[in-house]
């Protein structure tokens, strides 16, 4: 029996409309380099990661420039032009393209291109925690704020937060399990890979993440991410 390998998969086909920039947010400059490059370099520096795959849209005009300006990643990163309208379809398409290269029991770590705050410690913690797990899991944070359910812009009720977590990435699952889950899950009903696994009746493990691993979504998030990456926050 061979030892399972670890592969990183970064869906980067989104347009990042809420940031309000002229180009997709994963290519915006952040602390001196494109946002996406921060995550690529974190995975590339991890010896346990066998290879990194970036899934972009077929017409993406930016990824070629990024890769040309990062020759140190040429042997560690492969670009796959199989992006789709949704994250679910993009990840599924990417996984299907890799059937010849990844074994069924190999681990796949799916990471958002807009989470540049992932660091070596978080990545190592996730992999060490899940390496013997039967299902897999994800980085996540327990909810600490009071949570309200609303009607419009008014509070309807307070939601108990005792068992609530906010999901982060990477989300780490065996290749064949993840591919099967994404194929079976109805489109537009899942917002992360763990959701598809849960629909199969399985229970991904929640591994404590970090506030620095937040997802850049709004224009104000860019400044916060810049400060964190520069160590000034």
Protein backbone atom coordinates (compact mmCIF):
# COMPACT_ATOMS: atom_id res chain seq x y z
CA UNK A 1 0.00 0.00 0.00
CA UNK A 2 1.38 3.41 -0.96
CA UNK A 3 1.43 6.38 1.42
CA UNK A 4 -1.23 8.95 0.48
CA UNK A 5 0.09 12.17 -1.01
CA UNK A 6 -1.14 15.73 -0.50
CA UNK A 7 -2.22 18.04 -3.33
CA UNK A 8 -3.37 21.66 -3.15
CA UNK A 9 -6.22 22.82 -5.38
CA UNK A 10 -6.99 26.54 -5.61
CA UNK A 11 -10.17 27.53 -7.47
CA UNK A 12 -9.45 30.98 -8.90
CA UNK A 13 -12.14 31.52 -11.53
CA UNK A 14 -14.16 34.10 -9.59
CA UNK A 15 -14.45 37.73 -10.61
CA UNK A 16 -14.62 39.22 -7.09
CA UNK A 17 -17.41 41.67 -7.93
CA UNK A 18 -17.92 42.87 -4.34
CA UNK A 19 -14.39 44.23 -4.14
CA UNK A 20 -15.29 46.62 -6.95
CA UNK A 21 -11.95 46.41 -8.77
CA UNK A 22 -11.23 46.35 -12.48
CA UNK A 23 -9.60 42.90 -12.31
CA UNK A 24 -10.52 39.79 -10.30
CA UNK A 25 -9.57 40.24 -6.64
CA UNK A 26 -7.16 37.28 -6.60
CA UNK A 27 -4.83 39.29 -8.85
CA UNK A 28 -4.99 42.58 -6.96
CA UNK A 29 -1.69 43.71 -5.41
CA UNK A 30 -1.43 42.95 -1.71
CA UNK A 31 1.70 43.55 0.38
CA UNK A 32 3.84 43.74 -2.72
CA UNK A 33 2.52 40.80 -4.74
CA UNK A 34 -0.75 39.54 -6.28
CA UNK A 35 -3.15 38.17 -3.67
CA UNK A 36 -3.13 34.69 -5.19
CA UNK A 37 0.65 34.49 -5.04
CA UNK A 38 0.65 34.56 -1.23
CA UNK A 39 -1.26 31.26 -1.06
CA UNK A 40 0.74 29.68 -3.87
CA UNK A 41 4.00 30.41 -2.07
CA UNK A 42 2.68 29.07 1.24
CA UNK A 43 1.77 25.73 -0.35
CA UNK A 44 4.95 25.63 -2.43
CA UNK A 45 7.07 26.03 0.71
CA UNK A 46 5.42 22.99 2.35
CA UNK A 47 7.51 19.86 1.61
CA UNK A 48 4.52 17.58 2.22
CA UNK A 49 2.55 19.13 -0.66
CA UNK A 50 3.30 17.10 -3.79
CA UNK A 51 1.92 19.65 -6.25
CA UNK A 52 -0.36 22.68 -6.53
CA UNK A 53 -3.10 23.14 -9.11
CA UNK A 54 -4.77 26.48 -9.86
CA UNK A 55 -8.12 26.30 -11.62
CA UNK A 56 -8.93 29.40 -13.68
CA UNK A 57 -11.44 30.24 -16.38
CA UNK A 58 -10.60 29.42 -19.98
CA UNK A 59 -10.32 33.09 -20.90
CA UNK A 60 -8.39 34.28 -17.82
CA UNK A 61 -5.88 36.89 -19.11
CA UNK A 62 -4.00 37.37 -15.83
CA UNK A 63 -2.67 33.99 -14.69
CA UNK A 64 0.00 33.85 -17.42
CA UNK A 65 1.51 37.12 -16.25
CA UNK A 66 1.46 36.01 -12.62
CA UNK A 67 3.24 32.75 -13.39
CA UNK A 68 5.78 34.46 -15.64
CA UNK A 69 6.67 36.79 -12.78
CA UNK A 70 7.04 33.86 -10.34
CA UNK A 71 9.52 31.48 -12.05
CA UNK A 72 10.36 29.93 -8.67
CA UNK A 73 6.93 28.27 -8.78
CA UNK A 74 7.17 26.78 -12.26
CA UNK A 75 7.89 23.24 -11.06
CA UNK A 76 5.42 23.36 -8.16
CA UNK A 77 2.32 24.87 -9.77
CA UNK A 78 0.18 23.80 -12.73
CA UNK A 79 -2.57 25.99 -14.18
CA UNK A 80 -5.75 24.27 -15.37
CA UNK A 81 -8.22 26.25 -17.45
CA UNK A 82 -11.42 24.54 -16.34
CA UNK A 83 -13.12 27.23 -14.27
CA UNK A 84 -16.91 27.50 -14.28
CA UNK A 85 -19.70 29.77 -13.06
CA UNK A 86 -19.70 28.40 -9.51
CA UNK A 87 -17.01 27.34 -7.07
CA UNK A 88 -18.55 23.86 -6.88
CA UNK A 89 -18.32 23.37 -10.63
CA UNK A 90 -14.80 24.80 -10.77
CA UNK A 91 -13.49 22.43 -8.11
CA UNK A 92 -15.31 19.46 -9.65
CA UNK A 93 -13.97 20.26 -13.11
CA UNK A 94 -10.46 20.58 -11.76
CA UNK A 95 -10.66 17.27 -9.93
CA UNK A 96 -11.94 15.50 -13.04
CA UNK A 97 -8.99 16.81 -15.04
CA UNK A 98 -6.61 15.27 -12.50
CA UNK A 99 -7.85 11.68 -12.45
CA UNK A 100 -4.65 10.46 -14.11
CA UNK A 101 -2.42 12.17 -11.56
CA UNK A 102 -4.10 11.80 -8.18
CA UNK A 103 -4.93 8.46 -6.55
CA UNK A 104 -8.32 7.86 -4.95
CA UNK A 105 -6.88 7.91 -1.43
CA UNK A 106 -4.62 10.93 -1.90
CA UNK A 107 -5.55 14.04 0.06
CA UNK A 108 -6.74 17.18 -1.73
CA UNK A 109 -6.58 20.52 0.09
CA UNK A 110 -8.97 23.01 -1.51
CA UNK A 111 -8.14 26.60 -0.65
CA UNK A 112 -9.83 29.90 -1.52
CA UNK A 113 -7.71 32.17 -3.69
CA UNK A 114 -8.97 35.11 -1.61
CA UNK A 115 -7.52 33.84 1.69
CA UNK A 116 -3.93 35.14 1.50
CA UNK A 117 -3.40 34.86 5.26
CA UNK A 118 -2.83 31.09 5.29
CA UNK A 119 0.55 30.35 6.84
CA UNK A 120 2.80 27.34 7.34
CA UNK A 121 1.62 26.74 10.91
CA UNK A 122 -2.07 26.56 9.99
CA UNK A 123 -1.34 24.31 7.04
CA UNK A 124 0.78 21.96 9.14
CA UNK A 125 -1.85 21.82 11.89
CA UNK A 126 -4.59 20.88 9.43
CA UNK A 127 -2.54 18.13 7.79
CA UNK A 128 -1.31 16.63 11.04
CA UNK A 129 -4.79 16.61 12.58
CA UNK A 130 -6.49 14.95 9.62
CA UNK A 131 -3.85 12.60 8.22
CA UNK A 132 -5.44 9.53 9.87
CA UNK A 133 -9.04 10.78 9.78
CA UNK A 134 -11.60 8.63 7.98
CA UNK A 135 -13.45 11.60 6.48
CA UNK A 136 -11.28 14.73 6.47
CA UNK A 137 -12.13 18.23 7.58
CA UNK A 138 -11.49 21.93 7.42
CA UNK A 139 -10.07 24.92 9.20
CA UNK A 140 -12.83 26.78 11.06
CA UNK A 141 -13.41 29.24 13.89
CA UNK A 142 -15.99 28.94 16.69
CA UNK A 143 -18.47 31.83 16.63
CA UNK A 144 -17.81 34.21 19.53
CA UNK A 145 -20.14 37.11 18.66
CA UNK A 146 -23.85 37.15 19.42
CA UNK A 147 -25.69 36.03 16.27
CA UNK A 148 -28.97 37.60 15.13
CA UNK A 149 -31.48 36.34 12.59
CA UNK A 150 -33.03 39.29 10.76
CA UNK A 151 -36.14 40.42 8.99
CA UNK A 152 -34.78 42.96 6.55
CA UNK A 153 -32.49 45.15 8.64
CA UNK A 154 -34.23 44.40 11.95
CA UNK A 155 -33.34 41.66 14.45
CA UNK A 156 -35.90 38.89 14.64
CA UNK A 157 -34.21 36.64 17.19
CA UNK A 158 -30.90 35.73 18.76
CA UNK A 159 -29.45 32.45 17.51
CA UNK A 160 -27.67 30.19 20.04
CA UNK A 161 -23.97 30.19 19.12
CA UNK A 162 -22.73 27.30 21.28
CA UNK A 163 -22.26 24.90 18.37
CA UNK A 164 -21.69 27.39 15.54
CA UNK A 165 -18.46 27.70 13.57
CA UNK A 166 -17.43 29.78 10.57
CA UNK A 167 -15.78 27.72 7.85
CA UNK A 168 -12.37 28.57 6.42
CA UNK A 169 -10.04 26.84 3.99
CA UNK A 170 -8.12 24.71 3.20
CA UNK A 171 -10.71 21.97 3.32
CA UNK A 172 -9.02 18.58 3.13
CA UNK A 173 -10.61 15.38 1.82
CA UNK A 174 -9.61 12.23 -0.05
CA UNK A 175 -9.67 12.72 -3.80
CA UNK A 176 -12.34 10.19 -4.75
CA UNK A 177 -14.60 11.04 -1.80
CA UNK A 178 -14.51 14.73 -2.64
CA UNK A 179 -15.08 14.20 -6.35
CA UNK A 180 -18.04 11.90 -5.68
CA UNK A 181 -19.53 14.35 -3.20
CA UNK A 182 -19.30 17.28 -5.62
CA UNK A 183 -20.82 15.24 -8.45
CA UNK A 184 -23.78 14.23 -6.27
CA UNK A 185 -24.47 17.59 -4.62
CA UNK A 186 -27.15 19.77 -6.27
CA UNK A 187 -25.73 22.85 -7.94
CA UNK A 188 -26.08 26.18 -6.12
CA UNK A 189 -26.93 24.52 -2.79
CA UNK A 190 -23.43 24.27 -1.36
CA UNK A 191 -21.00 27.06 -0.56
CA UNK A 192 -17.97 24.99 0.35
CA UNK A 193 -16.59 21.49 -0.17
CA UNK A 194 -17.49 20.34 3.34
CA UNK A 195 -21.16 21.00 2.55
CA UNK A 196 -21.04 18.37 -0.19
CA UNK A 197 -19.40 15.88 2.18
CA UNK A 198 -22.09 16.56 4.79
CA UNK A 199 -24.79 15.79 2.20
CA UNK A 200 -23.37 12.28 2.04
CA UNK A 201 -24.12 11.85 5.75
CA UNK A 202 -20.48 12.28 6.79
CA UNK A 203 -19.09 14.63 9.42
CA UNK A 204 -15.94 16.62 8.56
CA UNK A 205 -13.68 17.45 11.48
CA UNK A 206 -13.40 21.10 12.49
CA UNK A 207 -9.77 22.12 13.00
CA UNK A 208 -9.21 25.48 14.76
CA UNK A 209 -8.15 28.12 12.24
CA UNK A 210 -7.07 31.73 12.65
CA UNK A 211 -8.52 35.20 12.24
CA UNK A 212 -5.65 36.03 9.87
CA UNK A 213 -7.00 33.40 7.46
CA UNK A 214 -10.11 35.45 6.66
CA UNK A 215 -11.57 35.75 3.18
CA UNK A 216 -11.06 39.03 1.35
CA UNK A 217 -14.54 39.98 0.16
CA UNK A 218 -15.14 43.72 0.53
CA UNK A 219 -12.92 46.71 -0.31
CA UNK A 220 -12.26 47.31 3.39
CA UNK A 221 -10.86 43.78 3.69
CA UNK A 222 -7.96 44.70 1.41
CA UNK A 223 -6.50 47.13 3.95
CA UNK A 224 -6.86 44.64 6.78
CA UNK A 225 -5.19 41.88 4.76
CA UNK A 226 -2.38 44.27 3.79
CA UNK A 227 -1.70 45.09 7.43
CA UNK A 228 -1.76 41.44 8.51
CA UNK A 229 0.61 40.33 5.76
CA UNK A 230 2.98 43.17 6.53
CA UNK A 231 2.80 42.43 10.25
CA UNK A 232 1.45 45.86 11.14
CA UNK A 233 -2.04 44.85 12.34
